[in-house]
Amino acid sequence: MNKPKDVNPTYFEQADIAAFIYHALKIPPKPEIRSDGKVVFKFDEDVTDALQRFYENESVPISDFCQKLKTVRSMIFAMKGRAR
């Protein structure tokens, strides 16, 4: 059995990219607030394949993607609400 290699976390500011990765890899992002107050999305696994698929404009079911995007956007509002 191969042990997955350790990867450095990857952060994204864009909700659409985070939602696509969430949809494609079934890995929910971990929202964090930077020191400047911006919410970013952290992925602890290798997302290179999903990111390439995003930029290649892979077709996805729109309803599924929209559901993930709404989830990611709600994370932004929840994190900003906590920061106040």
Protein backbone atom coordinates (compact mmCIF):
# COMPACT_ATOMS: atom_id res chain seq x y z
CA MET A 1 0.00 0.00 0.00
CA ASN A 2 1.45 3.36 -1.02
CA LYS A 3 1.42 6.13 1.52
CA PRO A 4 0.30 9.46 0.03
CA LYS A 5 3.14 11.93 -0.17
CA ASP A 6 3.06 14.99 2.01
CA VAL A 7 2.04 18.13 0.19
CA ASN A 8 2.10 21.72 1.24
CA PRO A 9 -1.33 23.25 1.63
CA THR A 10 -2.66 25.21 -1.31
CA TYR A 11 -4.65 28.42 -0.79
CA PHE A 12 -7.13 30.05 -3.15
CA GLU A 13 -8.90 33.39 -2.87
CA GLN A 14 -11.42 32.69 -5.61
CA ALA A 15 -14.63 31.00 -4.54
CA ASP A 16 -15.23 29.55 -8.02
CA ILE A 17 -11.91 27.69 -8.04
CA ALA A 18 -12.48 26.40 -4.50
CA ALA A 19 -15.97 25.24 -5.50
CA PHE A 20 -14.66 23.43 -8.57
CA ILE A 21 -11.99 21.62 -6.56
CA TYR A 22 -14.62 20.74 -3.96
CA HIS A 23 -16.83 19.34 -6.74
CA ALA A 24 -14.08 17.56 -8.69
CA LEU A 25 -12.19 15.97 -5.80
CA LYS A 26 -14.95 15.84 -3.17
CA ILE A 27 -12.61 17.66 -0.79
CA PRO A 28 -14.25 20.51 1.12
CA PRO A 29 -12.06 23.59 1.46
CA LYS A 30 -11.01 24.85 4.86
CA PRO A 31 -11.73 28.58 5.07
CA GLU A 32 -9.24 30.80 6.87
CA ILE A 33 -9.03 34.54 7.43
CA ARG A 34 -5.79 36.25 6.47
CA SER A 35 -4.41 39.11 8.51
CA ASP A 36 -5.87 41.57 5.97
CA GLY A 37 -9.38 40.19 6.63
CA LYS A 38 -9.65 38.31 3.32
CA VAL A 39 -11.13 34.81 3.46
CA VAL A 40 -9.03 32.21 1.65
CA PHE A 41 -9.66 28.53 1.03
CA LYS A 42 -7.09 25.95 2.08
CA PHE A 43 -6.70 22.47 0.62
CA ASP A 44 -4.34 20.05 2.37
CA GLU A 45 -4.19 17.61 -0.55
CA ASP A 46 -2.67 17.84 -4.01
CA VAL A 47 -5.18 19.74 -6.15
CA THR A 48 -2.99 20.10 -9.24
CA ASP A 49 -5.16 17.79 -11.37
CA ALA A 50 -8.39 19.58 -10.43
CA LEU A 51 -6.83 22.99 -11.05
CA GLN A 52 -5.67 21.88 -14.50
CA ARG A 53 -9.18 20.59 -15.25
CA PHE A 54 -10.63 23.95 -14.14
CA TYR A 55 -8.40 25.87 -16.56
CA GLU A 56 -9.14 23.39 -19.35
CA ASN A 57 -12.81 24.32 -18.92
CA GLU A 58 -14.01 20.84 -18.01
CA SER A 59 -17.77 20.44 -18.30
CA VAL A 60 -19.56 19.83 -15.03
CA PRO A 61 -23.23 19.54 -14.09
CA ILE A 62 -24.26 23.14 -13.43
CA SER A 63 -26.60 22.35 -10.56
CA ASP A 64 -23.88 20.41 -8.72
CA PHE A 65 -21.34 23.18 -9.26
CA CYS A 66 -23.78 25.88 -8.11
CA GLN A 67 -24.50 23.93 -4.93
CA LYS A 68 -20.77 23.74 -4.15
CA LEU A 69 -20.34 27.43 -4.97
CA LYS A 70 -23.17 28.36 -2.60
CA THR A 71 -21.54 26.27 0.11
CA VAL A 72 -18.18 27.96 -0.42
CA ARG A 73 -19.76 31.43 -0.45
CA SER A 74 -21.59 30.67 2.80
CA MET A 75 -18.20 29.82 4.31
CA ILE A 76 -17.04 33.34 3.43
CA PHE A 77 -20.00 34.95 5.20
CA ALA A 78 -19.64 32.65 8.22
CA MET A 79 -15.92 33.43 8.59
CA LYS A 80 -16.45 37.18 8.20
CA GLY A 81 -19.26 37.04 10.73
CA ARG A 82 -16.94 35.40 13.27
CA ALA A 83 -14.25 37.99 12.68
CA ARG A 84 -16.48 40.85 13.80
